[in-house]
Amino acid sequence: MPVVVATVRTKPGRREDVLAAFRRHTPAVHAEPGCLLYAVHSGEDRVTVIENWADQASLDAHSAGPVLEAIGAEIAEALAAPVDVAVLQPVPAGEPGKDRLPQT
């Protein structure tokens, strides 16, 4: 089950614009088939999205879909750098149950 960590670096004063776009579109992402987790977090100069998808096909559909395209178009002018996207797989380590996201 793929886990995605996407980090959006924002221009000074533009973080709230980016968060507003994610607030508008996150309900539609949550409704996409295979979405187990799509959680938006923010820091001083960044917005980070943690995602968990049921399978690669669900992630591929999301990645090529209209919702992600809409988010990208809305936040493009607020970006300080290209979005950094990492697609990861869980690695069992340590205490079971604490070693991965609950949905995986």
C-alpha atoms as a PDB file:
ATOM      1  CA  MET A   1       0.000   0.000   0.000  1.00  0.00           C
ATOM      2  CA  PRO A   2       1.747   3.154  -1.154  1.00  0.00           C
ATOM      3  CA  VAL A   3       2.370   5.995   1.236  1.00  0.00           C
ATOM      4  CA  VAL A   4       3.011   9.421  -0.237  1.00  0.00           C
ATOM      5  CA  VAL A   5       4.723  12.333   1.476  1.00  0.00           C
ATOM      6  CA  ALA A   6       4.331  15.522  -0.559  1.00  0.00           C
ATOM      7  CA  THR A   7       6.036  18.694   0.656  1.00  0.00           C
ATOM      8  CA  VAL A   8       4.998  22.058  -0.738  1.00  0.00           C
ATOM      9  CA  ARG A   9       7.400  24.924   0.029  1.00  0.00           C
ATOM     10  CA  THR A  10       5.482  28.188   0.015  1.00  0.00           C
ATOM     11  CA  LYS A  11       6.552  31.700  -0.843  1.00  0.00           C
ATOM     12  CA  PRO A  12       6.540  34.124   2.094  1.00  0.00           C
ATOM     13  CA  GLY A  13       2.987  35.068   2.975  1.00  0.00           C
ATOM     14  CA  ARG A  14       1.401  32.423   0.714  1.00  0.00           C
ATOM     15  CA  ARG A  15       0.998  29.446   3.060  1.00  0.00           C
ATOM     16  CA  GLU A  16      -2.620  30.295   3.864  1.00  0.00           C
ATOM     17  CA  ASP A  17      -3.452  30.435   0.142  1.00  0.00           C
ATOM     18  CA  VAL A  18      -2.075  26.921  -0.280  1.00  0.00           C
ATOM     19  CA  LEU A  19      -3.940  25.663   2.781  1.00  0.00           C
ATOM     20  CA  ALA A  20      -7.177  27.153   1.464  1.00  0.00           C
ATOM     21  CA  ALA A  21      -6.766  25.211  -1.788  1.00  0.00           C
ATOM     22  CA  PHE A  22      -6.200  21.983   0.114  1.00  0.00           C
ATOM     23  CA  ARG A  23      -9.209  22.674   2.342  1.00  0.00           C
ATOM     24  CA  ARG A  24     -11.386  23.138  -0.746  1.00  0.00           C
ATOM     25  CA  HIS A  25     -10.235  19.979  -2.513  1.00  0.00           C
ATOM     26  CA  THR A  26      -9.483  17.477   0.259  1.00  0.00           C
ATOM     27  CA  PRO A  27     -13.111  16.267   0.558  1.00  0.00           C
ATOM     28  CA  ALA A  28     -12.994  15.269  -3.116  1.00  0.00           C
ATOM     29  CA  VAL A  29      -9.707  13.408  -2.592  1.00  0.00           C
ATOM     30  CA  HIS A  30     -11.205  11.585   0.393  1.00  0.00           C
ATOM     31  CA  ALA A  31     -14.035  10.418  -1.899  1.00  0.00           C
ATOM     32  CA  GLU A  32     -11.632   8.946  -4.473  1.00  0.00           C
ATOM     33  CA  PRO A  33     -11.552   5.130  -4.640  1.00  0.00           C
ATOM     34  CA  GLY A  34      -8.667   3.694  -2.645  1.00  0.00           C
ATOM     35  CA  CYS A  35      -7.953   6.788  -0.534  1.00  0.00           C
ATOM     36  CA  LEU A  36      -7.182   5.531   2.968  1.00  0.00           C
ATOM     37  CA  LEU A  37      -5.544   8.709   4.264  1.00  0.00           C
ATOM     38  CA  TYR A  38      -5.042  12.211   2.897  1.00  0.00           C
ATOM     39  CA  ALA A  39      -3.923  14.431   5.752  1.00  0.00           C
ATOM     40  CA  VAL A  40      -2.655  17.997   5.360  1.00  0.00           C
ATOM     41  CA  HIS A  41      -0.115  19.428   7.827  1.00  0.00           C
ATOM     42  CA  SER A  42       1.595  22.816   7.862  1.00  0.00           C
ATOM     43  CA  GLY A  43       4.703  24.475   9.193  1.00  0.00           C
ATOM     44  CA  GLU A  44       6.100  27.968   8.902  1.00  0.00           C
ATOM     45  CA  ASP A  45       7.107  27.763   5.238  1.00  0.00           C
ATOM     46  CA  ARG A  46       5.596  24.507   4.033  1.00  0.00           C
ATOM     47  CA  VAL A  47       2.539  22.337   3.680  1.00  0.00           C
ATOM     48  CA  THR A  48       3.047  18.588   3.885  1.00  0.00           C
ATOM     49  CA  VAL A  49       0.475  16.031   2.793  1.00  0.00           C
ATOM     50  CA  ILE A  50       0.658  12.465   4.082  1.00  0.00           C
ATOM     51  CA  GLU A  51      -1.265  10.040   1.891  1.00  0.00           C
ATOM     52  CA  ASN A  52      -2.022   6.340   2.056  1.00  0.00           C
ATOM     53  CA  TRP A  53      -3.591   4.507  -0.876  1.00  0.00           C
ATOM     54  CA  ALA A  54      -5.112   1.032  -1.023  1.00  0.00           C
ATOM     55  CA  ASP A  55      -2.967   0.105  -4.020  1.00  0.00           C
ATOM     56  CA  GLN A  56      -0.808   1.538  -6.790  1.00  0.00           C
ATOM     57  CA  ALA A  57      -3.747   1.718  -9.205  1.00  0.00           C
ATOM     58  CA  SER A  58      -5.640   4.012  -6.803  1.00  0.00           C
ATOM     59  CA  LEU A  59      -2.591   6.251  -6.413  1.00  0.00           C
ATOM     60  CA  ASP A  60      -2.089   6.331 -10.185  1.00  0.00           C
ATOM     61  CA  ALA A  61      -5.724   7.345 -10.726  1.00  0.00           C
ATOM     62  CA  HIS A  62      -5.407  10.112  -8.121  1.00  0.00           C
ATOM     63  CA  SER A  63      -2.128  11.326  -9.613  1.00  0.00           C
ATOM     64  CA  ALA A  64      -3.665  11.651 -13.076  1.00  0.00           C
ATOM     65  CA  GLY A  65      -7.042  12.884 -11.877  1.00  0.00           C
ATOM     66  CA  PRO A  66      -8.829  16.213 -12.028  1.00  0.00           C
ATOM     67  CA  VAL A  67      -8.673  16.967  -8.299  1.00  0.00           C
ATOM     68  CA  LEU A  68      -4.882  16.913  -8.129  1.00  0.00           C
ATOM     69  CA  GLU A  69      -4.768  18.933 -11.345  1.00  0.00           C
ATOM     70  CA  ALA A  70      -7.059  21.552  -9.786  1.00  0.00           C
ATOM     71  CA  ILE A  71      -4.951  21.766  -6.630  1.00  0.00           C
ATOM     72  CA  GLY A  72      -1.799  22.174  -8.695  1.00  0.00           C
ATOM     73  CA  ALA A  73      -3.299  24.965 -10.764  1.00  0.00           C
ATOM     74  CA  GLU A  74      -4.489  26.839  -7.678  1.00  0.00           C
ATOM     75  CA  ILE A  75      -1.208  26.690  -5.779  1.00  0.00           C
ATOM     76  CA  ALA A  76       1.252  27.158  -8.659  1.00  0.00           C
ATOM     77  CA  GLU A  77       1.867  30.866  -8.045  1.00  0.00           C
ATOM     78  CA  ALA A  78       2.412  30.302  -4.303  1.00  0.00           C
ATOM     79  CA  LEU A  79       5.226  27.765  -4.673  1.00  0.00           C
ATOM     80  CA  ALA A  80       8.769  28.655  -3.627  1.00  0.00           C
ATOM     81  CA  ALA A  81      10.082  25.411  -5.194  1.00  0.00           C
ATOM     82  CA  PRO A  82       8.728  22.412  -7.085  1.00  0.00           C
ATOM     83  CA  VAL A  83       6.586  20.084  -4.979  1.00  0.00           C
ATOM     84  CA  ASP A  84       8.701  17.281  -3.496  1.00  0.00           C
ATOM     85  CA  VAL A  85       6.800  13.983  -3.757  1.00  0.00           C
ATOM     86  CA  ALA A  86       8.084  10.731  -2.281  1.00  0.00           C
ATOM     87  CA  VAL A  87       6.201   7.468  -2.817  1.00  0.00           C
ATOM     88  CA  LEU A  88       7.128   5.030  -0.062  1.00  0.00           C
ATOM     89  CA  GLN A  89       6.364   1.519   1.131  1.00  0.00           C
ATOM     90  CA  PRO A  90       6.138   0.603   4.837  1.00  0.00           C
ATOM     91  CA  VAL A  91       9.125  -1.201   6.352  1.00  0.00           C
ATOM     92  CA  PRO A  92       8.292  -3.439   9.324  1.00  0.00           C
ATOM     93  CA  ALA A  93      10.550  -2.493  12.241  1.00  0.00           C
ATOM     94  CA  GLY A  94      10.167  -2.343  15.984  1.00  0.00           C
ATOM     95  CA  GLU A  95       6.882  -2.929  17.772  1.00  0.00           C
ATOM     96  CA  PRO A  96       4.068  -4.209  15.528  1.00  0.00           C
ATOM     97  CA  GLY A  97       1.290  -1.666  15.268  1.00  0.00           C
ATOM     98  CA  LYS A  98       3.642   1.248  15.896  1.00  0.00           C
ATOM     99  CA  ASP A  99       5.763   0.631  12.822  1.00  0.00           C
ATOM    100  CA  ARG A 100       3.398   1.913  10.110  1.00  0.00           C
ATOM    101  CA  LEU A 101       0.370   4.057   9.481  1.00  0.00           C
ATOM    102  CA  PRO A 102      -2.766   2.469  10.946  1.00  0.00           C
ATOM    103  CA  GLN A 103      -4.448   2.046   7.542  1.00  0.00           C
ATOM    104  CA  THR A 104      -1.641  -0.037   5.987  1.00  0.00           C
END
